[in-house]
Amino acid sequence: MSALANLPIRQIAYFVPDVRAAALAHHRLFGSGPYFVAEHIPLRRAVHRGVERTLDHTSAYGQWGELMIEFVQQNNPGPSAFHDMYPEGAGASGIHHIALFVDDVQAEIARFNAAGHETALYAEMADGFAFAFMDTVAVAGHMVEIYQPLPQLTGFYDMVAQAAKTFTGEGVITDISFG
């Protein structure tokens, strides 16, 4: 049995051309939200399939029942884990990844790699928080994002979930920044 078998999915993420439009559409269809939009999320490092690259992305984070939902768009051209699934300029969108909390990101990367799943992205945010996209597309139809449930992450998840508890449908989008 997989070591990840008993880990709950913490988030489902969609790649989209416009995170604000996607968040509003999802809210209208499913009542999800509110959404917190972080523009140009600062990364101090992004390694796409072993190559250091620039990755400029924007995300909208909201709550959909018990699950966090993310809409993500890539702002810069070029290869990325997002464009691996949704080629640049194609205008395509859809599920990109699910996210799991793991005890040790590096150990899980090694385990996924040993099982034949390439590291599509390893990234570190400005504060050193690390995450990785593991390429499980061939077996799952999407990638798997892994990260440790450090206080800055769990606090953010808690804030989004708490906001949903009192969400009345007004003020669907709020701007935030990381770093």
C-alpha atoms as a PDB file:
ATOM      1  CA  MET A   1       0.000   0.000   0.000  1.00  0.00           C
ATOM      2  CA  SER A   2       1.212   3.484  -0.815  1.00  0.00           C
ATOM      3  CA  ALA A   3       2.496   5.623   2.035  1.00  0.00           C
ATOM      4  CA  LEU A   4       0.194   8.341   0.697  1.00  0.00           C
ATOM      5  CA  ALA A   5      -2.900   6.139   0.724  1.00  0.00           C
ATOM      6  CA  ASN A   6      -4.196   7.450   4.028  1.00  0.00           C
ATOM      7  CA  LEU A   7      -3.340  11.113   3.486  1.00  0.00           C
ATOM      8  CA  PRO A   8      -6.379  13.298   2.818  1.00  0.00           C
ATOM      9  CA  ILE A   9      -6.441  15.529  -0.224  1.00  0.00           C
ATOM     10  CA  ARG A  10      -5.959  19.064   1.110  1.00  0.00           C
ATOM     11  CA  GLN A  11      -6.485  20.959  -2.114  1.00  0.00           C
ATOM     12  CA  ILE A  12      -7.502  20.553  -5.722  1.00  0.00           C
ATOM     13  CA  ALA A  13      -5.987  22.980  -8.205  1.00  0.00           C
ATOM     14  CA  TYR A  14      -7.027  24.008 -11.691  1.00  0.00           C
ATOM     15  CA  PHE A  15      -4.821  25.653 -14.297  1.00  0.00           C
ATOM     16  CA  VAL A  16      -6.749  28.518 -15.906  1.00  0.00           C
ATOM     17  CA  PRO A  17      -6.039  31.552 -18.105  1.00  0.00           C
ATOM     18  CA  ASP A  18      -7.550  33.992 -15.558  1.00  0.00           C
ATOM     19  CA  VAL A  19      -7.784  33.117 -11.845  1.00  0.00           C
ATOM     20  CA  ARG A  20     -10.282  35.875 -11.039  1.00  0.00           C
ATOM     21  CA  ALA A  21     -12.700  34.865 -13.789  1.00  0.00           C
ATOM     22  CA  ALA A  22     -12.357  31.185 -12.803  1.00  0.00           C
ATOM     23  CA  ALA A  23     -12.987  31.939  -9.116  1.00  0.00           C
ATOM     24  CA  LEU A  24     -16.083  33.988  -9.916  1.00  0.00           C
ATOM     25  CA  ALA A  25     -17.424  31.300 -12.266  1.00  0.00           C
ATOM     26  CA  HIS A  26     -16.816  28.548  -9.689  1.00  0.00           C
ATOM     27  CA  HIS A  27     -18.491  30.649  -7.002  1.00  0.00           C
ATOM     28  CA  ARG A  28     -21.557  31.206  -9.233  1.00  0.00           C
ATOM     29  CA  LEU A  29     -21.784  27.502 -10.084  1.00  0.00           C
ATOM     30  CA  PHE A  30     -20.951  25.913  -6.713  1.00  0.00           C
ATOM     31  CA  GLY A  31     -21.169  28.675  -4.088  1.00  0.00           C
ATOM     32  CA  SER A  32     -17.488  28.296  -3.234  1.00  0.00           C
ATOM     33  CA  GLY A  33     -15.431  31.064  -1.703  1.00  0.00           C
ATOM     34  CA  PRO A  34     -14.450  33.593  -0.732  1.00  0.00           C
ATOM     35  CA  TYR A  35     -11.258  33.662  -2.781  1.00  0.00           C
ATOM     36  CA  PHE A  36      -7.921  35.173  -1.855  1.00  0.00           C
ATOM     37  CA  VAL A  37      -5.841  36.179  -4.882  1.00  0.00           C
ATOM     38  CA  ALA A  38      -2.051  36.384  -4.667  1.00  0.00           C
ATOM     39  CA  GLU A  39      -0.518  38.010  -7.755  1.00  0.00           C
ATOM     40  CA  HIS A  40       2.994  37.181  -8.918  1.00  0.00           C
ATOM     41  CA  ILE A  41       3.807  34.790  -6.063  1.00  0.00           C
ATOM     42  CA  PRO A  42       7.481  35.311  -5.214  1.00  0.00           C
ATOM     43  CA  LEU A  43       9.684  32.262  -5.646  1.00  0.00           C
ATOM     44  CA  ARG A  44      13.347  32.379  -4.761  1.00  0.00           C
ATOM     45  CA  ARG A  45      13.880  29.160  -6.676  1.00  0.00           C
ATOM     46  CA  ALA A  46      11.985  27.137  -9.283  1.00  0.00           C
ATOM     47  CA  VAL A  47      13.425  23.971 -10.814  1.00  0.00           C
ATOM     48  CA  HIS A  48      11.404  22.529 -13.680  1.00  0.00           C
ATOM     49  CA  ARG A  49      12.455  18.971 -14.534  1.00  0.00           C
ATOM     50  CA  GLY A  50      15.991  19.625 -13.302  1.00  0.00           C
ATOM     51  CA  VAL A  51      16.429  23.050 -14.941  1.00  0.00           C
ATOM     52  CA  GLU A  52      16.360  26.329 -12.987  1.00  0.00           C
ATOM     53  CA  ARG A  53      13.696  28.540 -14.566  1.00  0.00           C
ATOM     54  CA  THR A  54      11.707  31.660 -13.830  1.00  0.00           C
ATOM     55  CA  LEU A  55       8.140  30.921 -12.798  1.00  0.00           C
ATOM     56  CA  ASP A  56       5.754  33.824 -12.326  1.00  0.00           C
ATOM     57  CA  HIS A  57       2.311  32.673 -11.310  1.00  0.00           C
ATOM     58  CA  THR A  58      -0.855  33.993  -9.706  1.00  0.00           C
ATOM     59  CA  SER A  59      -3.257  31.934  -7.617  1.00  0.00           C
ATOM     60  CA  ALA A  60      -6.762  32.303  -6.215  1.00  0.00           C
ATOM     61  CA  TYR A  61      -7.454  30.235  -3.093  1.00  0.00           C
ATOM     62  CA  GLY A  62     -10.933  29.499  -1.763  1.00  0.00           C
ATOM     63  CA  GLN A  63     -12.926  26.939   0.115  1.00  0.00           C
ATOM     64  CA  TRP A  64     -15.286  24.443  -1.492  1.00  0.00           C
ATOM     65  CA  GLY A  65     -16.904  22.507   1.337  1.00  0.00           C
ATOM     66  CA  GLU A  66     -14.119  20.819   3.294  1.00  0.00           C
ATOM     67  CA  LEU A  67     -11.577  21.246   0.500  1.00  0.00           C
ATOM     68  CA  MET A  68      -9.398  24.187  -0.509  1.00  0.00           C
ATOM     69  CA  ILE A  69      -9.613  24.977  -4.179  1.00  0.00           C
ATOM     70  CA  GLU A  70      -6.924  26.828  -6.111  1.00  0.00           C
ATOM     71  CA  PHE A  71      -7.022  28.427  -9.521  1.00  0.00           C
ATOM     72  CA  VAL A  72      -3.560  29.119 -10.928  1.00  0.00           C
ATOM     73  CA  GLN A  73      -2.342  30.972 -13.995  1.00  0.00           C
ATOM     74  CA  GLN A  74       1.182  31.315 -15.325  1.00  0.00           C
ATOM     75  CA  ASN A  75       2.116  34.932 -16.050  1.00  0.00           C
ATOM     76  CA  ASN A  76       5.403  34.379 -17.902  1.00  0.00           C
ATOM     77  CA  PRO A  77       6.065  32.406 -21.077  1.00  0.00           C
ATOM     78  CA  GLY A  78       8.175  29.293 -21.175  1.00  0.00           C
ATOM     79  CA  PRO A  79       8.350  25.725 -19.967  1.00  0.00           C
ATOM     80  CA  SER A  80       6.817  24.838 -16.608  1.00  0.00           C
ATOM     81  CA  ALA A  81       4.950  22.113 -14.778  1.00  0.00           C
ATOM     82  CA  PHE A  82       1.753  23.953 -15.749  1.00  0.00           C
ATOM     83  CA  HIS A  83       2.667  24.034 -19.442  1.00  0.00           C
ATOM     84  CA  ASP A  84       3.630  20.351 -19.269  1.00  0.00           C
ATOM     85  CA  MET A  85      -0.096  19.609 -19.014  1.00  0.00           C
ATOM     86  CA  TYR A  86      -1.593  22.709 -20.625  1.00  0.00           C
ATOM     87  CA  PRO A  87       0.628  23.910 -23.472  1.00  0.00           C
ATOM     88  CA  GLU A  88       1.437  27.589 -23.666  1.00  0.00           C
ATOM     89  CA  GLY A  89      -0.920  29.538 -25.906  1.00  0.00           C
ATOM     90  CA  ALA A  90      -3.455  26.719 -26.218  1.00  0.00           C
ATOM     91  CA  GLY A  91      -5.953  28.402 -23.893  1.00  0.00           C
ATOM     92  CA  ALA A  92      -6.668  25.042 -22.281  1.00  0.00           C
ATOM     93  CA  SER A  93      -7.572  24.672 -18.630  1.00  0.00           C
ATOM     94  CA  GLY A  94      -8.458  21.913 -16.224  1.00  0.00           C
ATOM     95  CA  ILE A  95      -7.364  20.036 -13.143  1.00  0.00           C
ATOM     96  CA  HIS A  96      -3.625  20.350 -12.699  1.00  0.00           C
ATOM     97  CA  HIS A  97      -2.871  18.872  -9.274  1.00  0.00           C
ATOM     98  CA  ILE A  98      -4.075  17.773  -5.894  1.00  0.00           C
ATOM     99  CA  ALA A  99      -2.119  18.686  -2.784  1.00  0.00           C
ATOM    100  CA  LEU A 100      -1.058  16.531   0.149  1.00  0.00           C
ATOM    101  CA  PHE A 101       0.662  17.319   3.433  1.00  0.00           C
ATOM    102  CA  VAL A 102       3.749  15.157   3.952  1.00  0.00           C
ATOM    103  CA  ASP A 103       6.208  14.899   6.836  1.00  0.00           C
ATOM    104  CA  ASP A 104       9.340  15.291   4.718  1.00  0.00           C
ATOM    105  CA  VAL A 105       9.260  16.823   1.224  1.00  0.00           C
ATOM    106  CA  GLN A 106      12.703  15.540   0.203  1.00  0.00           C
ATOM    107  CA  ALA A 107      11.936  11.991   1.363  1.00  0.00           C
ATOM    108  CA  GLU A 108       8.647  11.986  -0.563  1.00  0.00           C
ATOM    109  CA  ILE A 109      10.351  13.355  -3.684  1.00  0.00           C
ATOM    110  CA  ALA A 110      12.827  10.469  -3.475  1.00  0.00           C
ATOM    111  CA  ARG A 111      10.013   7.969  -2.961  1.00  0.00           C
ATOM    112  CA  PHE A 112       8.021   9.295  -5.934  1.00  0.00           C
ATOM    113  CA  ASN A 113      11.166   9.328  -8.095  1.00  0.00           C
ATOM    114  CA  ALA A 114      11.958   5.717  -7.113  1.00  0.00           C
ATOM    115  CA  ALA A 115       8.428   4.772  -8.183  1.00  0.00           C
ATOM    116  CA  GLY A 116       9.032   6.325 -11.619  1.00  0.00           C
ATOM    117  CA  HIS A 117       7.364   9.714 -11.093  1.00  0.00           C
ATOM    118  CA  GLU A 118       9.569  12.610 -12.166  1.00  0.00           C
ATOM    119  CA  THR A 119       9.795  15.825 -10.191  1.00  0.00           C
ATOM    120  CA  ALA A 120       8.032  18.276 -12.498  1.00  0.00           C
ATOM    121  CA  LEU A 121       8.727  21.238 -10.187  1.00  0.00           C
ATOM    122  CA  TYR A 122      10.651  21.856  -7.028  1.00  0.00           C
ATOM    123  CA  ALA A 123      10.157  25.383  -5.718  1.00  0.00           C
ATOM    124  CA  GLU A 124      10.956  27.506  -2.718  1.00  0.00           C
ATOM    125  CA  MET A 125       9.050  30.618  -1.793  1.00  0.00           C
ATOM    126  CA  ALA A 126      10.804  33.767  -0.590  1.00  0.00           C
ATOM    127  CA  ASP A 127      10.521  32.591   3.044  1.00  0.00           C
ATOM    128  CA  GLY A 128      12.077  29.212   2.217  1.00  0.00           C
ATOM    129  CA  PHE A 129       8.809  27.258   2.224  1.00  0.00           C
ATOM    130  CA  ALA A 130       9.305  24.378  -0.242  1.00  0.00           C
ATOM    131  CA  PHE A 131       6.860  22.458  -2.395  1.00  0.00           C
ATOM    132  CA  ALA A 132       7.060  20.041  -5.296  1.00  0.00           C
ATOM    133  CA  PHE A 133       4.861  18.852  -8.136  1.00  0.00           C
ATOM    134  CA  MET A 134       5.299  15.155  -8.786  1.00  0.00           C
ATOM    135  CA  ASP A 135       4.365  13.974 -12.283  1.00  0.00           C
ATOM    136  CA  THR A 136       1.669  11.375 -11.718  1.00  0.00           C
ATOM    137  CA  VAL A 137      -0.247  12.337 -14.864  1.00  0.00           C
ATOM    138  CA  ALA A 138       0.162   8.918 -16.515  1.00  0.00           C
ATOM    139  CA  VAL A 139      -1.456   7.115 -13.578  1.00  0.00           C
ATOM    140  CA  ALA A 140      -3.700   9.742 -11.978  1.00  0.00           C
ATOM    141  CA  GLY A 141      -4.499  12.211 -14.757  1.00  0.00           C
ATOM    142  CA  HIS A 142      -2.996  15.062 -12.738  1.00  0.00           C
ATOM    143  CA  MET A 143       0.094  15.973 -10.761  1.00  0.00           C
ATOM    144  CA  VAL A 144       0.481  15.656  -6.992  1.00  0.00           C
ATOM    145  CA  GLU A 145       1.761  18.635  -5.009  1.00  0.00           C
ATOM    146  CA  ILE A 146       3.525  17.854  -1.765  1.00  0.00           C
ATOM    147  CA  TYR A 147       4.461  20.138   1.077  1.00  0.00           C
ATOM    148  CA  GLN A 148       4.980  20.018   4.823  1.00  0.00           C
ATOM    149  CA  PRO A 149       2.203  21.318   7.085  1.00  0.00           C
ATOM    150  CA  LEU A 150       4.361  24.088   8.512  1.00  0.00           C
ATOM    151  CA  PRO A 151       2.669  26.851  10.558  1.00  0.00           C
ATOM    152  CA  GLN A 152       2.675  29.390   7.702  1.00  0.00           C
ATOM    153  CA  LEU A 153       0.860  26.877   5.490  1.00  0.00           C
ATOM    154  CA  THR A 154      -1.607  25.486   8.031  1.00  0.00           C
ATOM    155  CA  GLY A 155      -2.342  29.025   9.218  1.00  0.00           C
ATOM    156  CA  PHE A 156      -3.186  30.018   5.659  1.00  0.00           C
ATOM    157  CA  TYR A 157      -5.398  26.954   5.167  1.00  0.00           C
ATOM    158  CA  ASP A 158      -7.149  27.762   8.458  1.00  0.00           C
ATOM    159  CA  MET A 159      -7.695  31.399   7.447  1.00  0.00           C
ATOM    160  CA  VAL A 160      -9.292  30.394   4.134  1.00  0.00           C
ATOM    161  CA  ALA A 161     -11.531  27.791   5.829  1.00  0.00           C
ATOM    162  CA  GLN A 162     -12.582  30.255   8.562  1.00  0.00           C
ATOM    163  CA  ALA A 163     -13.461  32.905   5.988  1.00  0.00           C
ATOM    164  CA  ALA A 164     -15.754  30.410   4.267  1.00  0.00           C
ATOM    165  CA  LYS A 165     -17.717  29.810   7.473  1.00  0.00           C
ATOM    166  CA  THR A 166     -19.008  33.387   7.516  1.00  0.00           C
ATOM    167  CA  PHE A 167     -19.036  33.954   3.757  1.00  0.00           C
ATOM    168  CA  THR A 168     -22.340  35.458   2.621  1.00  0.00           C
ATOM    169  CA  GLY A 169     -21.557  35.550  -1.086  1.00  0.00           C
ATOM    170  CA  GLU A 170     -20.546  39.209  -1.002  1.00  0.00           C
ATOM    171  CA  GLY A 171     -16.950  40.215  -1.715  1.00  0.00           C
ATOM    172  CA  VAL A 172     -15.998  37.035  -3.540  1.00  0.00           C
ATOM    173  CA  ILE A 173     -12.387  38.146  -4.219  1.00  0.00           C
ATOM    174  CA  THR A 174      -9.842  39.686  -1.852  1.00  0.00           C
ATOM    175  CA  ASP A 175      -6.290  40.542  -2.868  1.00  0.00           C
ATOM    176  CA  ILE A 176      -3.435  39.262  -0.691  1.00  0.00           C
ATOM    177  CA  SER A 177       0.338  38.961  -1.074  1.00  0.00           C
ATOM    178  CA  PHE A 178       2.968  36.432  -0.084  1.00  0.00           C
ATOM    179  CA  GLY A 179       6.303  37.857   0.959  1.00  0.00           C
END
